Amino acid sequence: MNHLLRVAGALLVPAVLCLSAPVQAQETFRIGFVNPDRVLREAQPAKAAQAKLESEFLRREKDVAALGEALKVASEKFEREAPTLSEVQRTARQRALVDQDREFQRRRREFQEDLNARKNEELQQVYERANRVVKQVAEAEKYDAILQEAIYINPKHDITEKVIKALNAAPAAGGK
């Protein structure tokens, strides 16, 4: 009896292995890769967001640059005239330059903060749309995983071009 169990067990193991082999051979794991930097450089929604930001902040950028230039001119003028000014005039002009510089720094900082906040808002919308498109491409082409970062990726797994084309073809969500 013991001998029969050993023989049956010896026959059973190869049979189980044979049954599981076709299942393993049929399941392939498909991986794709998307370069998010390239999507942000080349996709129309990203370009449109950049153009929108540039037009929205152009006037303020020029105003801040004009303040900086005015400060530079006033500082150079003070440097030239300082030796001929009385102590009271020199102190008053220095104080005015410090105030002008403080105002310039404040306006530049506010501009940069506002620009960064708006850029993050616009990029977030582009990322959300891109992620939806990546998911659509992955589902349509039956990918199991899509990576955005990798040390190395074989170019045949790069679906960035497909994502960019799909983003360019898709209408903006919500009319944006």
N, C-alpha and C. Protein backbone atom coordinates (compact mmCIF):
# COMPACT_ATOMS: atom_id res chain seq x y z
N MET A 1 0.82 -1.19 0.00
CA MET A 1 0.00 0.00 0.00
C MET A 1 0.87 1.25 0.00
N ASN A 2 1.87 1.26 0.83
CA ASN A 2 2.79 2.37 0.90
C ASN A 2 3.47 2.59 -0.44
N HIS A 3 3.81 1.49 -1.07
CA HIS A 3 4.46 1.55 -2.37
C HIS A 3 3.52 2.16 -3.43
N LEU A 4 2.24 1.82 -3.38
CA LEU A 4 1.26 2.38 -4.32
C LEU A 4 1.11 3.89 -4.14
N LEU A 5 1.13 4.36 -2.92
CA LEU A 5 1.04 5.80 -2.66
C LEU A 5 2.25 6.54 -3.22
N ARG A 6 3.41 5.95 -3.06
CA ARG A 6 4.61 6.59 -3.61
C ARG A 6 4.54 6.66 -5.13
N VAL A 7 4.10 5.60 -5.78
CA VAL A 7 3.98 5.57 -7.24
C VAL A 7 2.93 6.58 -7.69
N ALA A 8 1.80 6.62 -7.02
CA ALA A 8 0.73 7.57 -7.37
C ALA A 8 1.21 9.00 -7.17
N GLY A 9 1.92 9.21 -6.07
CA GLY A 9 2.46 10.55 -5.81
C GLY A 9 3.48 10.95 -6.84
N ALA A 10 4.31 10.03 -7.26
CA ALA A 10 5.33 10.30 -8.27
C ALA A 10 4.69 10.61 -9.61
N LEU A 11 3.59 9.98 -9.92
CA LEU A 11 2.89 10.25 -11.18
C LEU A 11 2.06 11.54 -11.10
N LEU A 12 1.57 11.86 -9.93
CA LEU A 12 0.71 13.02 -9.75
C LEU A 12 1.49 14.33 -9.89
N VAL A 13 2.69 14.42 -9.38
CA VAL A 13 3.48 15.66 -9.44
C VAL A 13 3.73 16.09 -10.88
N PRO A 14 4.22 15.20 -11.78
CA PRO A 14 4.40 15.64 -13.16
C PRO A 14 3.09 16.01 -13.84
N ALA A 15 2.02 15.32 -13.49
CA ALA A 15 0.72 15.64 -14.08
C ALA A 15 0.27 17.04 -13.68
N VAL A 16 0.44 17.41 -12.43
CA VAL A 16 0.08 18.76 -11.96
C VAL A 16 0.96 19.80 -12.65
N LEU A 17 2.22 19.52 -12.78
CA LEU A 17 3.13 20.45 -13.46
C LEU A 17 2.73 20.64 -14.92
N CYS A 18 2.32 19.56 -15.58
CA CYS A 18 1.89 19.66 -16.98
C CYS A 18 0.62 20.49 -17.10
N LEU A 19 -0.27 20.36 -16.15
CA LEU A 19 -1.51 21.14 -16.19
C LEU A 19 -1.26 22.62 -15.95
N SER A 20 -0.32 22.94 -15.10
CA SER A 20 -0.09 24.35 -14.77
C SER A 20 0.78 25.04 -15.81
N ALA A 21 1.55 24.32 -16.58
CA ALA A 21 2.44 24.93 -17.56
C ALA A 21 1.69 25.73 -18.63
N PRO A 22 0.61 25.23 -19.24
CA PRO A 22 -0.09 26.02 -20.24
C PRO A 22 -0.66 27.32 -19.68
N VAL A 23 -1.12 27.32 -18.45
CA VAL A 23 -1.67 28.53 -17.84
C VAL A 23 -0.57 29.58 -17.72
N GLN A 24 0.60 29.18 -17.29
CA GLN A 24 1.70 30.12 -17.15
C GLN A 24 2.15 30.65 -18.51
N ALA A 25 2.15 29.82 -19.51
CA ALA A 25 2.60 30.23 -20.83
C ALA A 25 1.63 31.23 -21.46
N GLN A 26 0.33 31.13 -21.14
CA GLN A 26 -0.66 32.02 -21.73
C GLN A 26 -0.65 33.39 -21.08
N GLU A 27 -0.28 33.52 -19.83
CA GLU A 27 -0.29 34.79 -19.13
C GLU A 27 1.04 35.51 -19.35
N THR A 28 0.98 36.63 -20.06
CA THR A 28 2.16 37.47 -20.22
C THR A 28 1.88 38.79 -19.53
N PHE A 29 2.87 39.34 -18.97
CA PHE A 29 2.76 40.59 -18.24
C PHE A 29 3.25 41.70 -19.16
N ARG A 30 2.36 42.62 -19.53
CA ARG A 30 2.73 43.71 -20.44
C ARG A 30 3.00 44.98 -19.65
N ILE A 31 4.16 45.55 -19.88
CA ILE A 31 4.56 46.78 -19.22
C ILE A 31 4.76 47.85 -20.28
N GLY A 32 4.28 49.03 -19.98
CA GLY A 32 4.51 50.19 -20.85
C GLY A 32 5.19 51.29 -20.05
N PHE A 33 5.66 52.28 -20.76
CA PHE A 33 6.37 53.39 -20.13
C PHE A 33 5.89 54.70 -20.74
N VAL A 34 5.69 55.71 -19.91
CA VAL A 34 5.34 57.05 -20.37
C VAL A 34 6.34 58.03 -19.77
N ASN A 35 6.87 58.90 -20.62
CA ASN A 35 7.79 59.94 -20.18
C ASN A 35 6.97 61.21 -19.90
N PRO A 36 6.68 61.51 -18.61
CA PRO A 36 5.82 62.66 -18.30
C PRO A 36 6.44 64.00 -18.70
N ASP A 37 7.76 64.11 -18.66
CA ASP A 37 8.41 65.36 -19.08
C ASP A 37 8.16 65.62 -20.56
N ARG A 38 8.26 64.58 -21.34
CA ARG A 38 8.02 64.71 -22.78
C ARG A 38 6.55 65.07 -23.05
N VAL A 39 5.64 64.47 -22.31
CA VAL A 39 4.22 64.80 -22.46
C VAL A 39 4.01 66.28 -22.17
N LEU A 40 4.64 66.79 -21.11
CA LEU A 40 4.48 68.21 -20.76
C LEU A 40 5.14 69.14 -21.78
N ARG A 41 6.14 68.67 -22.48
CA ARG A 41 6.80 69.50 -23.50
C ARG A 41 6.05 69.48 -24.82
N GLU A 42 5.49 68.32 -25.19
CA GLU A 42 5.00 68.14 -26.55
C GLU A 42 3.48 68.10 -26.71
N ALA A 43 2.74 67.79 -25.69
CA ALA A 43 1.29 67.66 -25.83
C ALA A 43 0.63 69.03 -25.93
N GLN A 44 -0.37 69.13 -26.80
CA GLN A 44 -1.08 70.40 -27.00
C GLN A 44 -1.70 70.96 -25.73
N PRO A 45 -2.34 70.15 -24.88
CA PRO A 45 -2.90 70.72 -23.65
C PRO A 45 -1.83 71.37 -22.76
N ALA A 46 -0.65 70.80 -22.72
CA ALA A 46 0.43 71.38 -21.92
C ALA A 46 0.92 72.68 -22.55
N LYS A 47 1.04 72.70 -23.89
CA LYS A 47 1.45 73.92 -24.58
C LYS A 47 0.40 75.01 -24.40
N ALA A 48 -0.88 74.63 -24.47
CA ALA A 48 -1.96 75.61 -24.29
C ALA A 48 -1.94 76.18 -22.87
N ALA A 49 -1.68 75.33 -21.88
CA ALA A 49 -1.60 75.80 -20.50
C ALA A 49 -0.44 76.78 -20.33
N GLN A 50 0.69 76.48 -20.95
CA GLN A 50 1.85 77.37 -20.88
C GLN A 50 1.54 78.72 -21.52
N ALA A 51 0.91 78.70 -22.68
CA ALA A 51 0.54 79.95 -23.37
C ALA A 51 -0.45 80.75 -22.54
N LYS A 52 -1.39 80.07 -21.91
CA LYS A 52 -2.38 80.73 -21.06
C LYS A 52 -1.69 81.43 -19.90
N LEU A 53 -0.74 80.75 -19.27
CA LEU A 53 0.00 81.34 -18.15
C LEU A 53 0.82 82.55 -18.61
N GLU A 54 1.47 82.41 -19.76
CA GLU A 54 2.29 83.52 -20.26
C GLU A 54 1.44 84.75 -20.51
N SER A 55 0.28 84.58 -21.13
CA SER A 55 -0.57 85.74 -21.41
C SER A 55 -1.15 86.31 -20.12
N GLU A 56 -1.49 85.43 -19.18
CA GLU A 56 -2.07 85.86 -17.91
C GLU A 56 -1.08 86.67 -17.06
N PHE A 57 0.19 86.32 -17.11
CA PHE A 57 1.17 86.95 -16.23
C PHE A 57 2.11 87.92 -16.95
N LEU A 58 1.93 88.12 -18.24
CA LEU A 58 2.84 88.97 -19.00
C LEU A 58 2.88 90.40 -18.47
N ARG A 59 1.71 91.00 -18.24
CA ARG A 59 1.67 92.39 -17.77
C ARG A 59 2.36 92.53 -16.41
N ARG A 60 2.07 91.62 -15.49
CA ARG A 60 2.70 91.70 -14.17
C ARG A 60 4.20 91.49 -14.25
N GLU A 61 4.62 90.59 -15.12
CA GLU A 61 6.06 90.35 -15.29
C GLU A 61 6.75 91.62 -15.79
N LYS A 62 6.11 92.29 -16.74
CA LYS A 62 6.68 93.55 -17.25
C LYS A 62 6.71 94.62 -16.17
N ASP A 63 5.66 94.69 -15.36
CA ASP A 63 5.63 95.67 -14.27
C ASP A 63 6.75 95.44 -13.26
N VAL A 64 6.96 94.19 -12.90
CA VAL A 64 8.03 93.85 -11.95
C VAL A 64 9.40 94.16 -12.57
N ALA A 65 9.57 93.84 -13.85
CA ALA A 65 10.84 94.13 -14.52
C ALA A 65 11.07 95.63 -14.58
N ALA A 66 10.02 96.40 -14.81
CA ALA A 66 10.14 97.87 -14.85
C ALA A 66 10.53 98.41 -13.47
N LEU A 67 9.96 97.85 -12.42
CA LEU A 67 10.35 98.26 -11.06
C LEU A 67 11.82 97.96 -10.81
N GLY A 68 12.26 96.81 -11.24
CA GLY A 68 13.67 96.43 -11.07
C GLY A 68 14.59 97.36 -11.83
N GLU A 69 14.20 97.70 -13.04
CA GLU A 69 15.01 98.62 -13.86
C GLU A 69 15.03 100.02 -13.23
N ALA A 70 13.89 100.49 -12.73
CA ALA A 70 13.83 101.80 -12.07
C ALA A 70 14.72 101.82 -10.83
N LEU A 71 14.72 100.73 -10.09
CA LEU A 71 15.57 100.63 -8.90
C LEU A 71 17.04 100.67 -9.29
N LYS A 72 17.39 99.98 -10.35
CA LYS A 72 18.78 99.96 -10.82
C LYS A 72 19.21 101.36 -11.25
N VAL A 73 18.37 102.04 -12.01
CA VAL A 73 18.69 103.40 -12.47
C VAL A 73 18.84 104.35 -11.28
N ALA A 74 17.90 104.26 -10.33
CA ALA A 74 17.96 105.13 -9.15
C ALA A 74 19.21 104.85 -8.32
N SER A 75 19.58 103.58 -8.21
CA SER A 75 20.78 103.21 -7.45
C SER A 75 22.04 103.73 -8.13
N GLU A 76 22.11 103.60 -9.45
CA GLU A 76 23.27 104.11 -10.19
C GLU A 76 23.37 105.64 -10.08
N LYS A 77 22.22 106.29 -10.16
CA LYS A 77 22.20 107.76 -10.04
C LYS A 77 22.68 108.17 -8.65
N PHE A 78 22.22 107.43 -7.63
CA PHE A 78 22.65 107.75 -6.27
C PHE A 78 24.16 107.58 -6.13
N GLU A 79 24.70 106.49 -6.69
CA GLU A 79 26.15 106.24 -6.62
C GLU A 79 26.94 107.39 -7.26
N ARG A 80 26.44 107.89 -8.39
CA ARG A 80 27.13 109.00 -9.07
C ARG A 80 27.04 110.30 -8.27
N GLU A 81 25.88 110.53 -7.67
CA GLU A 81 25.64 111.82 -7.00
C GLU A 81 25.99 111.82 -5.52
N ALA A 82 26.20 110.69 -4.93
CA ALA A 82 26.43 110.58 -3.48
C ALA A 82 27.55 111.49 -2.99
N PRO A 83 28.69 111.58 -3.68
CA PRO A 83 29.77 112.42 -3.16
C PRO A 83 29.40 113.91 -3.06
N THR A 84 28.45 114.36 -3.87
CA THR A 84 28.10 115.78 -3.87
C THR A 84 26.89 116.09 -2.98
N LEU A 85 26.28 115.07 -2.40
CA LEU A 85 25.10 115.29 -1.58
C LEU A 85 25.49 115.57 -0.14
N SER A 86 24.63 116.35 0.54
CA SER A 86 24.84 116.56 1.97
C SER A 86 24.48 115.27 2.70
N GLU A 87 24.88 115.18 3.94
CA GLU A 87 24.60 113.98 4.75
C GLU A 87 23.09 113.74 4.86
N VAL A 88 22.32 114.77 5.05
CA VAL A 88 20.86 114.64 5.17
C VAL A 88 20.27 114.14 3.85
N GLN A 89 20.72 114.71 2.72
CA GLN A 89 20.22 114.28 1.40
C GLN A 89 20.61 112.83 1.11
N ARG A 90 21.85 112.49 1.43
CA ARG A 90 22.35 111.13 1.19
C ARG A 90 21.54 110.12 2.01
N THR A 91 21.29 110.42 3.28
CA THR A 91 20.50 109.52 4.15
C THR A 91 19.08 109.39 3.63
N ALA A 92 18.48 110.49 3.19
CA ALA A 92 17.11 110.45 2.68
C ALA A 92 17.04 109.61 1.40
N ARG A 93 18.00 109.79 0.53
CA ARG A 93 18.02 109.02 -0.73
C ARG A 93 18.28 107.53 -0.47
N GLN A 94 19.16 107.24 0.48
CA GLN A 94 19.42 105.85 0.83
C GLN A 94 18.15 105.19 1.37
N ARG A 95 17.45 105.91 2.23
CA ARG A 95 16.21 105.40 2.79
C ARG A 95 15.19 105.15 1.68
N ALA A 96 15.10 106.08 0.73
CA ALA A 96 14.17 105.93 -0.39
C ALA A 96 14.56 104.72 -1.25
N LEU A 97 15.86 104.53 -1.45
CA LEU A 97 16.32 103.36 -2.22
C LEU A 97 15.99 102.05 -1.49
N VAL A 98 16.16 102.03 -0.18
CA VAL A 98 15.85 100.84 0.61
C VAL A 98 14.35 100.54 0.51
N ASP A 99 13.53 101.58 0.62
CA ASP A 99 12.08 101.39 0.49
C ASP A 99 11.71 100.90 -0.91
N GLN A 100 12.33 101.48 -1.91
CA GLN A 100 12.07 101.08 -3.30
C GLN A 100 12.50 99.61 -3.51
N ASP A 101 13.64 99.24 -2.95
CA ASP A 101 14.11 97.86 -3.06
C ASP A 101 13.16 96.91 -2.34
N ARG A 102 12.70 97.29 -1.17
CA ARG A 102 11.77 96.45 -0.40
C ARG A 102 10.47 96.24 -1.20
N GLU A 103 9.96 97.29 -1.81
CA GLU A 103 8.75 97.19 -2.62
C GLU A 103 8.99 96.28 -3.83
N PHE A 104 10.14 96.44 -4.47
CA PHE A 104 10.48 95.59 -5.61
C PHE A 104 10.56 94.12 -5.19
N GLN A 105 11.23 93.84 -4.10
CA GLN A 105 11.36 92.45 -3.61
C GLN A 105 9.99 91.86 -3.26
N ARG A 106 9.13 92.67 -2.62
CA ARG A 106 7.80 92.19 -2.26
C ARG A 106 6.99 91.86 -3.51
N ARG A 107 6.98 92.76 -4.49
CA ARG A 107 6.21 92.55 -5.72
C ARG A 107 6.75 91.35 -6.51
N ARG A 108 8.07 91.21 -6.54
CA ARG A 108 8.67 90.08 -7.26
C ARG A 108 8.31 88.76 -6.58
N ARG A 109 8.36 88.74 -5.25
CA ARG A 109 8.01 87.53 -4.49
C ARG A 109 6.53 87.18 -4.70
N GLU A 110 5.64 88.16 -4.62
CA GLU A 110 4.21 87.92 -4.84
C GLU A 110 3.96 87.41 -6.26
N PHE A 111 4.63 88.02 -7.22
CA PHE A 111 4.49 87.58 -8.61
C PHE A 111 4.90 86.12 -8.75
N GLN A 112 6.05 85.77 -8.19
CA GLN A 112 6.57 84.41 -8.30
C GLN A 112 5.64 83.42 -7.60
N GLU A 113 5.13 83.77 -6.43
CA GLU A 113 4.21 82.89 -5.70
C GLU A 113 2.92 82.68 -6.49
N ASP A 114 2.36 83.77 -7.04
CA ASP A 114 1.13 83.65 -7.83
C ASP A 114 1.37 82.83 -9.10
N LEU A 115 2.49 83.06 -9.76
CA LEU A 115 2.81 82.32 -10.97
C LEU A 115 2.96 80.83 -10.66
N ASN A 116 3.68 80.51 -9.60
CA ASN A 116 3.87 79.11 -9.21
C ASN A 116 2.55 78.44 -8.87
N ALA A 117 1.68 79.15 -8.15
CA ALA A 117 0.37 78.58 -7.78
C ALA A 117 -0.46 78.29 -9.03
N ARG A 118 -0.51 79.24 -9.95
CA ARG A 118 -1.27 79.05 -11.19
C ARG A 118 -0.66 77.96 -12.06
N LYS A 119 0.68 77.91 -12.10
CA LYS A 119 1.34 76.87 -12.89
C LYS A 119 0.99 75.49 -12.33
N ASN A 120 0.98 75.36 -11.01
CA ASN A 120 0.61 74.09 -10.39
C ASN A 120 -0.83 73.72 -10.72
N GLU A 121 -1.74 74.71 -10.71
CA GLU A 121 -3.14 74.44 -11.06
C GLU A 121 -3.25 73.93 -12.49
N GLU A 122 -2.60 74.63 -13.41
CA GLU A 122 -2.67 74.25 -14.82
C GLU A 122 -2.02 72.89 -15.06
N LEU A 123 -0.85 72.67 -14.46
CA LEU A 123 -0.16 71.38 -14.63
C LEU A 123 -0.97 70.24 -14.04
N GLN A 124 -1.65 70.50 -12.94
CA GLN A 124 -2.48 69.46 -12.33
C GLN A 124 -3.58 69.03 -13.29
N GLN A 125 -4.19 69.98 -13.98
CA GLN A 125 -5.23 69.65 -14.96
C GLN A 125 -4.64 68.83 -16.11
N VAL A 126 -3.46 69.22 -16.58
CA VAL A 126 -2.81 68.48 -17.67
C VAL A 126 -2.47 67.07 -17.20
N TYR A 127 -1.92 66.94 -15.98
CA TYR A 127 -1.58 65.62 -15.44
C TYR A 127 -2.81 64.73 -15.32
N GLU A 128 -3.92 65.30 -14.85
CA GLU A 128 -5.14 64.52 -14.71
C GLU A 128 -5.63 64.02 -16.06
N ARG A 129 -5.61 64.90 -17.06
CA ARG A 129 -6.02 64.48 -18.41
C ARG A 129 -5.07 63.43 -18.95
N ALA A 130 -3.77 63.65 -18.77
CA ALA A 130 -2.77 62.69 -19.27
C ALA A 130 -2.94 61.34 -18.59
N ASN A 131 -3.20 61.33 -17.30
CA ASN A 131 -3.39 60.07 -16.59
C ASN A 131 -4.62 59.32 -17.09
N ARG A 132 -5.69 60.07 -17.40
CA ARG A 132 -6.89 59.42 -17.97
C ARG A 132 -6.56 58.79 -19.32
N VAL A 133 -5.79 59.53 -20.13
CA VAL A 133 -5.42 59.02 -21.46
C VAL A 133 -4.50 57.81 -21.32
N VAL A 134 -3.55 57.85 -20.40
CA VAL A 134 -2.65 56.71 -20.18
C VAL A 134 -3.48 55.49 -19.80
N LYS A 135 -4.45 55.68 -18.92
CA LYS A 135 -5.30 54.56 -18.50
C LYS A 135 -6.10 54.02 -19.69
N GLN A 136 -6.62 54.90 -20.53
CA GLN A 136 -7.38 54.46 -21.71
C GLN A 136 -6.49 53.65 -22.65
N VAL A 137 -5.29 54.14 -22.92
CA VAL A 137 -4.35 53.42 -23.80
C VAL A 137 -3.99 52.07 -23.17
N ALA A 138 -3.72 52.08 -21.87
CA ALA A 138 -3.35 50.83 -21.18
C ALA A 138 -4.47 49.80 -21.26
N GLU A 139 -5.69 50.25 -21.05
CA GLU A 139 -6.82 49.32 -21.10
C GLU A 139 -7.07 48.84 -22.53
N ALA A 140 -7.00 49.74 -23.50
CA ALA A 140 -7.26 49.37 -24.89
C ALA A 140 -6.22 48.39 -25.42
N GLU A 141 -4.98 48.56 -24.99
CA GLU A 141 -3.91 47.70 -25.49
C GLU A 141 -3.51 46.61 -24.50
N LYS A 142 -4.30 46.48 -23.46
CA LYS A 142 -4.15 45.41 -22.47
C LYS A 142 -2.78 45.39 -21.78
N TYR A 143 -2.35 46.55 -21.30
CA TYR A 143 -1.13 46.63 -20.50
C TYR A 143 -1.49 46.30 -19.06
N ASP A 144 -0.56 45.66 -18.37
CA ASP A 144 -0.75 45.34 -16.96
C ASP A 144 -0.21 46.44 -16.05
N ALA A 145 0.78 47.15 -16.54
CA ALA A 145 1.39 48.23 -15.76
C ALA A 145 1.97 49.27 -16.70
N ILE A 146 1.86 50.54 -16.29
CA ILE A 146 2.49 51.63 -17.01
C ILE A 146 3.38 52.36 -16.01
N LEU A 147 4.65 52.49 -16.34
CA LEU A 147 5.63 53.15 -15.47
C LEU A 147 5.89 54.57 -15.97
N GLN A 148 6.19 55.45 -15.03
CA GLN A 148 6.58 56.81 -15.39
C GLN A 148 8.04 57.08 -15.10
N GLU A 149 8.65 56.22 -14.32
CA GLU A 149 10.06 56.37 -14.02
C GLU A 149 10.73 55.02 -14.15
N ALA A 150 11.88 55.02 -14.76
CA ALA A 150 12.64 53.78 -14.90
C ALA A 150 14.09 54.15 -15.16
N ILE A 151 14.99 53.34 -14.69
CA ILE A 151 16.40 53.54 -14.97
C ILE A 151 16.67 53.21 -16.43
N TYR A 152 16.04 52.16 -16.90
CA TYR A 152 16.17 51.78 -18.30
C TYR A 152 14.83 51.23 -18.76
N ILE A 153 14.46 51.56 -19.99
CA ILE A 153 13.27 50.98 -20.59
C ILE A 153 13.56 50.74 -22.06
N ASN A 154 13.22 49.57 -22.53
CA ASN A 154 13.37 49.26 -23.94
C ASN A 154 12.40 50.15 -24.72
N PRO A 155 12.84 50.83 -25.75
CA PRO A 155 11.97 51.76 -26.49
C PRO A 155 10.68 51.12 -27.02
N LYS A 156 10.67 49.82 -27.22
CA LYS A 156 9.45 49.18 -27.72
C LYS A 156 8.32 49.23 -26.70
N HIS A 157 8.63 49.52 -25.44
CA HIS A 157 7.62 49.61 -24.39
C HIS A 157 7.18 51.06 -24.13
N ASP A 158 7.79 52.01 -24.81
CA ASP A 158 7.49 53.42 -24.61
C ASP A 158 6.21 53.79 -25.35
N ILE A 159 5.17 54.17 -24.60
CA ILE A 159 3.89 54.54 -25.22
C ILE A 159 3.67 56.06 -25.16
N THR A 160 4.72 56.81 -24.90
CA THR A 160 4.59 58.26 -24.78
C THR A 160 3.99 58.89 -26.03
N GLU A 161 4.46 58.47 -27.19
CA GLU A 161 3.95 59.04 -28.45
C GLU A 161 2.45 58.79 -28.60
N LYS A 162 1.99 57.59 -28.24
CA LYS A 162 0.56 57.28 -28.31
C LYS A 162 -0.23 58.17 -27.37
N VAL A 163 0.31 58.41 -26.18
CA VAL A 163 -0.36 59.25 -25.19
C VAL A 163 -0.44 60.69 -25.70
N ILE A 164 0.66 61.19 -26.26
CA ILE A 164 0.66 62.56 -26.78
C ILE A 164 -0.36 62.70 -27.91
N LYS A 165 -0.38 61.74 -28.83
CA LYS A 165 -1.35 61.79 -29.93
C LYS A 165 -2.78 61.75 -29.40
N ALA A 166 -3.04 60.91 -28.43
CA ALA A 166 -4.38 60.81 -27.86
C ALA A 166 -4.77 62.09 -27.13
N LEU A 167 -3.83 62.67 -26.41
CA LEU A 167 -4.09 63.95 -25.71
C LEU A 167 -4.39 65.05 -26.72
N ASN A 168 -3.62 65.09 -27.79
CA ASN A 168 -3.81 66.12 -28.82
C ASN A 168 -5.15 65.95 -29.52
N ALA A 169 -5.62 64.72 -29.65
CA ALA A 169 -6.87 64.45 -30.35
C ALA A 169 -8.09 64.64 -29.45
N ALA A 170 -7.90 64.45 -28.15
CA ALA A 170 -9.03 64.51 -27.22
C ALA A 170 -9.43 65.96 -26.95
N PRO A 171 -10.74 66.25 -26.93
CA PRO A 171 -11.18 67.60 -26.58
C PRO A 171 -10.91 67.85 -25.11
N ALA A 172 -10.68 69.11 -24.77
CA ALA A 172 -10.41 69.47 -23.37
C ALA A 172 -11.64 69.19 -22.55
N ALA A 173 -11.44 68.59 -21.38
CA ALA A 173 -12.55 68.29 -20.48
C ALA A 173 -13.08 69.58 -19.86
N GLY A 174 -14.38 69.70 -19.80
CA GLY A 174 -14.98 70.87 -19.16
C GLY A 174 -14.80 72.12 -19.95
N GLY A 175 -14.47 72.04 -21.24
CA GLY A 175 -14.32 73.23 -22.07
C GLY A 175 -13.05 73.99 -21.81
N LYS A 176 -12.10 73.36 -21.11
CA LYS A 176 -10.86 74.06 -20.78
C LYS A 176 -9.81 73.73 -21.80
